[in-house]
Amino acid sequence: MLQSKHLHKEFNVTHNIFTWKSDDGQELFAQCWDAGIECLGGILLVHGMGEHSSRYERWAGSLAANGFSVLAFDLRGHGKTPGIQGNISNYNTLLNDIDLLVEQGNNLFKNKPLFLYGHSFGGNLVANYVISRKICFAGIILTSPWFELTEAIPKQRILAATVLNFFVPGKRAESGLKSEYISRELKEVHKYRSDKLVHGKITIRLFLQIVERGLFAKRSIYKINSPLLLLHGSADRITSCKSSREFVMNSSEKTTYFEIEGGYHELHNDADKQIVFDHIVSWLNKQLII
């Protein structure tokens, strides 16, 4: 298990599973890695496209062992949450589900600092959530956020998708994500490929909404009033590291940007994961004393 050099005490971690029901009746699978009543704070985690919260078990358990409980849920049509894979009719529905995540986090971690953490597509969602909801957290963590893809989307492809969206918005296509790009560690790539809960589907409608919201987030970072930590690998071939640099360019002094030289997309599963982990835990602890 990963452990941070910044804390000497190791917390006893318990794992709990929940079933939540959203306002529209959708059941959501959720789970918590709990550091107990003496925890230092709660982390609310939003995973990426096509994956699920259980892929963060080792990472979340290590954070909890260092005093930061982690609460996460599977997005609709992902992991153990019911739904058609990759078919989410409205982006705002996902923001409403994060409302539920925050509500449950407040219930579980009463009077504790809350941190909102999003990876990849989850980073897109988290950024747009704090911009639109105007809620302040003890801190925001974004890893490899999907503001733009590393390979620019051809204009003709966007145009074709826009036209198709009028007629078949729910049509699903392969996301095109190449699993060998997620990590420099082959064992992590094999785990991803063999995970039966991972899928590569996305609808035209959702794809266009993510593209639009990614660009909106880049223009609206000034609306984020919480301390922000953004981490991205310089060799990420899935989501654009350059776009993350541009995102933080006009941010406040509350923003910390940490670029991992040679890092791939899943920094928590990559070769320098210990460096990334130590940096995150160090930053979390700093937020507790500010």
Protein backbone atom coordinates (compact mmCIF):
# COMPACT_ATOMS: atom_id res chain seq x y z
CA MET A 1 0.00 0.00 0.00
CA LEU A 2 1.19 3.51 -0.82
CA GLN A 3 1.99 5.61 2.20
CA SER A 4 2.91 9.27 2.37
CA LYS A 5 6.08 10.43 4.04
CA HIS A 6 4.19 13.46 5.33
CA LEU A 7 2.13 11.64 7.96
CA HIS A 8 3.38 9.28 10.64
CA LYS A 9 0.02 8.02 11.82
CA GLU A 10 -1.67 5.32 9.77
CA PHE A 11 -5.45 5.30 10.01
CA ASN A 12 -7.50 2.11 10.11
CA VAL A 13 -9.52 1.95 6.93
CA THR A 14 -12.97 0.41 6.55
CA HIS A 15 -14.72 -0.14 3.23
CA ASN A 16 -18.47 0.43 2.90
CA ILE A 17 -20.82 0.03 -0.06
CA PHE A 18 -24.00 2.05 -0.67
CA THR A 19 -26.89 2.30 -3.09
CA TRP A 20 -28.11 5.84 -3.62
CA LYS A 21 -31.21 6.99 -5.44
CA SER A 22 -31.10 10.21 -7.43
CA ASP A 23 -33.97 12.70 -7.77
CA ASP A 24 -35.04 11.08 -11.06
CA GLY A 25 -35.05 7.60 -9.51
CA GLN A 26 -31.72 6.40 -10.93
CA GLU A 27 -29.88 4.00 -8.64
CA LEU A 28 -26.20 4.78 -8.17
CA PHE A 29 -23.56 2.40 -6.84
CA ALA A 30 -21.31 4.13 -4.31
CA GLN A 31 -18.53 3.17 -1.92
CA CYS A 32 -16.37 4.69 0.78
CA TRP A 33 -12.89 4.03 2.08
CA ASP A 34 -13.31 5.48 5.55
CA ALA A 35 -10.48 6.61 7.83
CA GLY A 36 -12.85 6.79 10.82
CA ILE A 37 -14.12 9.55 13.07
CA GLU A 38 -10.66 11.05 13.44
CA CYS A 39 -10.23 11.50 9.70
CA LEU A 40 -8.69 14.76 8.57
CA GLY A 41 -11.12 15.34 5.71
CA GLY A 42 -13.29 13.73 3.06
CA ILE A 43 -12.44 13.36 -0.63
CA LEU A 44 -15.34 13.10 -3.07
CA LEU A 45 -14.06 11.28 -6.16
CA VAL A 46 -15.49 11.37 -9.71
CA HIS A 47 -13.98 8.79 -12.09
CA GLY A 48 -13.30 8.97 -15.81
CA MET A 49 -15.16 7.92 -18.96
CA GLY A 50 -15.71 4.20 -19.48
CA GLU A 51 -14.24 3.15 -16.12
CA HIS A 52 -15.58 2.94 -12.56
CA SER A 53 -14.85 3.82 -8.94
CA SER A 54 -13.48 0.40 -7.96
CA ARG A 55 -10.46 1.03 -10.19
CA TYR A 56 -9.37 3.51 -7.49
CA GLU A 57 -9.46 0.99 -4.66
CA ARG A 58 -5.71 0.98 -3.99
CA TRP A 59 -5.40 4.75 -4.44
CA ALA A 60 -8.43 5.54 -2.25
CA GLY A 61 -7.34 3.06 0.42
CA SER A 62 -3.93 4.72 0.58
CA LEU A 63 -5.45 8.18 0.90
CA ALA A 64 -7.69 6.90 3.69
CA ALA A 65 -4.71 5.29 5.43
CA ASN A 66 -3.23 8.77 5.48
CA GLY A 67 -6.33 10.28 7.07
CA PHE A 68 -8.42 11.34 4.08
CA SER A 69 -11.58 9.27 3.65
CA VAL A 70 -12.69 8.76 0.04
CA LEU A 71 -16.30 8.60 -1.14
CA ALA A 72 -16.98 7.71 -4.78
CA PHE A 73 -19.79 6.52 -7.02
CA ASP A 74 -20.12 4.93 -10.45
CA LEU A 75 -21.49 7.28 -13.09
CA ARG A 76 -24.68 6.23 -14.89
CA GLY A 77 -24.03 3.34 -17.22
CA HIS A 78 -20.62 2.78 -15.68
CA GLY A 79 -19.33 0.06 -13.37
CA LYS A 80 -22.08 -1.25 -11.13
CA THR A 81 -24.52 1.61 -11.72
CA PRO A 82 -27.35 0.56 -14.09
CA GLY A 83 -27.76 2.20 -17.48
CA ILE A 84 -26.75 1.92 -21.12
CA GLN A 85 -22.99 2.16 -21.40
CA GLY A 86 -21.89 5.57 -22.64
CA ASN A 87 -25.46 6.84 -23.05
CA ILE A 88 -26.10 9.76 -20.71
CA SER A 89 -28.84 11.93 -22.15
CA ASN A 90 -27.97 15.17 -20.41
CA TYR A 91 -24.64 16.41 -19.06
CA ASN A 92 -26.46 18.39 -16.36
CA THR A 93 -27.88 15.13 -15.01
CA LEU A 94 -24.34 14.16 -14.06
CA LEU A 95 -23.86 17.48 -12.27
CA ASN A 96 -27.04 16.70 -10.31
CA ASP A 97 -25.53 13.34 -9.36
CA ILE A 98 -22.49 15.19 -8.02
CA ASP A 99 -24.94 17.22 -5.93
CA LEU A 100 -25.94 13.91 -4.36
CA LEU A 101 -22.28 12.96 -3.87
CA VAL A 102 -21.68 16.25 -2.03
CA GLU A 103 -24.82 15.77 0.08
CA GLN A 104 -23.78 12.25 1.06
CA GLY A 105 -20.26 13.47 1.77
CA ASN A 106 -21.56 16.12 4.13
CA ASN A 107 -23.62 13.46 5.91
CA LEU A 108 -20.71 11.02 6.25
CA PHE A 109 -17.94 13.48 7.06
CA LYS A 110 -19.78 15.89 9.33
CA ASN A 111 -17.82 19.08 10.09
CA LYS A 112 -14.81 17.79 8.17
CA PRO A 113 -13.17 19.63 5.24
CA LEU A 114 -14.41 18.35 1.88
CA PHE A 115 -12.28 18.01 -1.25
CA LEU A 116 -13.73 17.36 -4.72
CA TYR A 117 -11.48 15.21 -6.93
CA GLY A 118 -12.04 14.47 -10.63
CA HIS A 119 -9.96 12.43 -13.07
CA SER A 120 -10.12 12.83 -16.87
CA PHE A 121 -13.82 13.12 -17.79
CA GLY A 122 -14.40 13.35 -14.04
CA GLY A 123 -12.11 16.39 -14.09
CA ASN A 124 -14.28 17.97 -16.77
CA LEU A 125 -17.35 17.31 -14.62
CA VAL A 126 -15.76 18.58 -11.39
CA ALA A 127 -14.50 21.79 -13.01
CA ASN A 128 -17.91 22.52 -14.51
CA TYR A 129 -19.62 21.60 -11.24
CA VAL A 130 -17.71 24.11 -9.12
CA ILE A 131 -18.06 26.77 -11.84
CA SER A 132 -21.83 26.34 -12.19
CA ARG A 133 -22.77 25.57 -8.59
CA LYS A 134 -20.46 28.23 -7.10
CA ILE A 135 -19.80 26.01 -4.07
CA CYS A 136 -16.57 26.44 -2.14
CA PHE A 137 -14.67 23.35 -1.02
CA ALA A 138 -11.59 22.95 1.13
CA GLY A 139 -9.93 22.11 -2.18
CA ILE A 140 -10.37 20.85 -5.73
CA ILE A 141 -8.11 18.20 -7.29
CA LEU A 142 -8.05 17.60 -11.05
CA THR A 143 -5.87 14.91 -12.60
CA SER A 144 -5.45 14.69 -16.38
CA PRO A 145 -8.73 16.60 -16.91
CA TRP A 146 -10.51 16.28 -20.23
CA PHE A 147 -10.71 19.89 -21.39
CA GLU A 148 -9.43 18.91 -24.81
CA LEU A 149 -8.03 15.72 -26.26
CA THR A 150 -4.32 15.48 -27.04
CA GLU A 151 -5.07 14.87 -30.70
CA ALA A 152 -7.18 17.74 -31.99
CA ILE A 153 -10.58 16.65 -33.26
CA PRO A 154 -10.88 17.44 -37.00
CA LYS A 155 -13.45 20.15 -37.71
CA GLN A 156 -15.21 17.92 -40.21
CA ARG A 157 -15.69 15.27 -37.51
CA ILE A 158 -17.25 17.83 -35.18
CA LEU A 159 -19.49 19.04 -37.99
CA ALA A 160 -20.58 15.49 -38.85
CA ALA A 161 -21.28 14.74 -35.18
CA THR A 162 -23.30 17.96 -34.87
CA VAL A 163 -25.47 16.99 -37.84
CA LEU A 164 -25.94 13.42 -36.58
CA ASN A 165 -26.87 14.77 -33.15
CA PHE A 166 -30.06 16.21 -34.61
CA PHE A 167 -31.18 12.83 -35.91
CA VAL A 168 -29.59 10.11 -33.76
CA PRO A 169 -28.21 11.77 -30.59
CA GLY A 170 -28.26 8.46 -28.74
CA LYS A 171 -26.20 6.60 -31.33
CA ARG A 172 -23.18 5.05 -29.61
CA ALA A 173 -19.70 4.81 -31.03
CA GLU A 174 -16.33 3.56 -29.80
CA SER A 175 -14.49 6.21 -27.81
CA GLY A 176 -11.24 5.30 -29.52
CA LEU A 177 -9.27 5.31 -26.28
CA LYS A 178 -6.09 3.25 -26.62
CA SER A 179 -5.47 1.33 -23.42
CA GLU A 180 -1.70 1.37 -23.91
CA TYR A 181 -1.84 5.13 -23.35
CA ILE A 182 -3.17 4.98 -19.80
CA SER A 183 0.08 3.95 -18.08
CA ARG A 184 3.75 3.21 -18.66
CA GLU A 185 3.29 0.12 -16.47
CA LEU A 186 2.19 -2.86 -18.57
CA LYS A 187 0.51 -4.58 -15.62
CA GLU A 188 -1.86 -1.61 -15.33
CA VAL A 189 -2.66 -1.75 -19.03
CA HIS A 190 -3.43 -5.48 -18.74
CA LYS A 191 -5.66 -4.87 -15.70
CA TYR A 192 -7.58 -2.24 -17.64
CA ARG A 193 -8.03 -4.50 -20.65
CA SER A 194 -9.20 -7.45 -18.55
CA ASP A 195 -11.66 -5.44 -16.44
CA LYS A 196 -15.15 -6.53 -17.51
CA LEU A 197 -16.70 -3.36 -16.08
CA VAL A 198 -14.63 -1.10 -18.32
CA HIS A 199 -16.22 -0.08 -21.63
CA GLY A 200 -15.33 2.11 -24.61
CA LYS A 201 -18.74 3.44 -25.61
CA ILE A 202 -19.93 7.05 -25.91
CA THR A 203 -22.93 8.64 -27.61
CA ILE A 204 -22.67 11.47 -30.13
CA ARG A 205 -24.71 13.70 -27.82
CA LEU A 206 -22.49 13.15 -24.78
CA PHE A 207 -19.31 13.53 -26.82
CA LEU A 208 -20.41 16.95 -28.09
CA GLN A 209 -21.49 18.04 -24.61
CA ILE A 210 -18.10 17.10 -23.15
CA VAL A 211 -16.26 19.00 -25.89
CA GLU A 212 -18.41 22.08 -25.30
CA ARG A 213 -18.09 21.94 -21.50
CA GLY A 214 -14.33 21.42 -21.68
CA LEU A 215 -13.89 24.64 -23.62
CA PHE A 216 -16.34 26.43 -21.32
CA ALA A 217 -14.34 25.36 -18.26
CA LYS A 218 -11.12 26.73 -19.78
CA ARG A 219 -12.79 30.11 -20.28
CA SER A 220 -14.33 30.15 -16.80
CA ILE A 221 -11.57 29.14 -14.39
CA TYR A 222 -11.79 32.58 -12.76
CA LYS A 223 -15.12 31.45 -11.29
CA ILE A 224 -13.41 28.75 -9.19
CA ASN A 225 -12.87 30.24 -5.73
CA SER A 226 -11.58 27.13 -3.95
CA PRO A 227 -7.91 26.11 -3.70
CA LEU A 228 -7.16 24.07 -6.82
CA LEU A 229 -4.52 21.43 -7.49
CA LEU A 230 -4.16 20.33 -11.11
CA LEU A 231 -1.80 17.50 -12.08
CA HIS A 232 -1.06 16.36 -15.61
CA GLY A 233 1.55 14.16 -17.26
CA SER A 234 3.60 15.81 -20.02
CA ALA A 235 3.37 12.63 -22.15
CA ASP A 236 -0.41 12.15 -21.79
CA ARG A 237 -1.64 11.00 -25.21
CA ILE A 238 -5.32 10.96 -24.23
CA THR A 239 -6.16 14.33 -22.66
CA SER A 240 -4.19 17.44 -23.49
CA CYS A 241 -1.52 18.55 -21.05
CA LYS A 242 -1.18 21.75 -23.09
CA SER A 243 -4.85 22.46 -22.47
CA SER A 244 -4.32 22.07 -18.72
CA ARG A 245 -1.45 24.56 -18.86
CA GLU A 246 -3.75 27.01 -20.66
CA PHE A 247 -6.50 26.34 -18.12
CA VAL A 248 -4.39 27.46 -15.16
CA MET A 249 -2.78 30.39 -16.99
CA ASN A 250 -5.46 32.84 -15.86
CA SER A 251 -6.12 31.28 -12.47
CA SER A 252 -5.66 32.83 -9.04
CA GLU A 253 -2.86 32.38 -6.53
CA LYS A 254 -5.00 29.60 -5.04
CA THR A 255 -4.09 27.33 -7.96
CA THR A 256 -1.18 24.87 -7.90
CA TYR A 257 -0.11 23.21 -11.15
CA PHE A 258 2.13 20.15 -11.05
CA GLU A 259 3.31 18.62 -14.31
CA ILE A 260 4.85 15.15 -14.21
CA GLU A 261 7.60 14.87 -16.81
CA GLY A 262 6.91 11.85 -19.02
CA GLY A 263 3.70 11.02 -17.14
CA TYR A 264 0.90 9.13 -18.89
CA HIS A 265 -2.86 9.56 -18.44
CA GLU A 266 -3.58 7.65 -15.22
CA LEU A 267 -1.07 9.27 -12.88
CA HIS A 268 -2.39 7.16 -9.99
CA ASN A 269 -1.47 4.01 -11.93
CA ASP A 270 1.69 5.27 -13.63
CA ALA A 271 5.40 4.85 -13.01
CA ASP A 272 5.67 7.99 -10.84
CA LYS A 273 2.56 7.31 -8.78
CA GLN A 274 4.44 7.60 -5.48
CA ILE A 275 5.64 11.11 -6.37
CA VAL A 276 2.10 12.04 -7.39
CA PHE A 277 0.66 10.55 -4.21
CA ASP A 278 3.10 12.38 -1.94
CA HIS A 279 2.41 15.65 -3.74
CA ILE A 280 -1.36 15.27 -3.35
CA VAL A 281 -1.17 14.34 0.35
CA SER A 282 1.26 17.20 1.03
CA TRP A 283 -1.13 19.63 -0.70
CA LEU A 284 -4.14 18.24 1.19
CA ASN A 285 -2.38 18.73 4.52
CA LYS A 286 -1.45 22.30 3.61
CA GLN A 287 -5.12 23.10 2.96
CA LEU A 288 -5.97 22.02 6.51
CA ILE A 289 -3.80 24.73 8.05
CA ILE A 290 -4.54 27.61 5.65
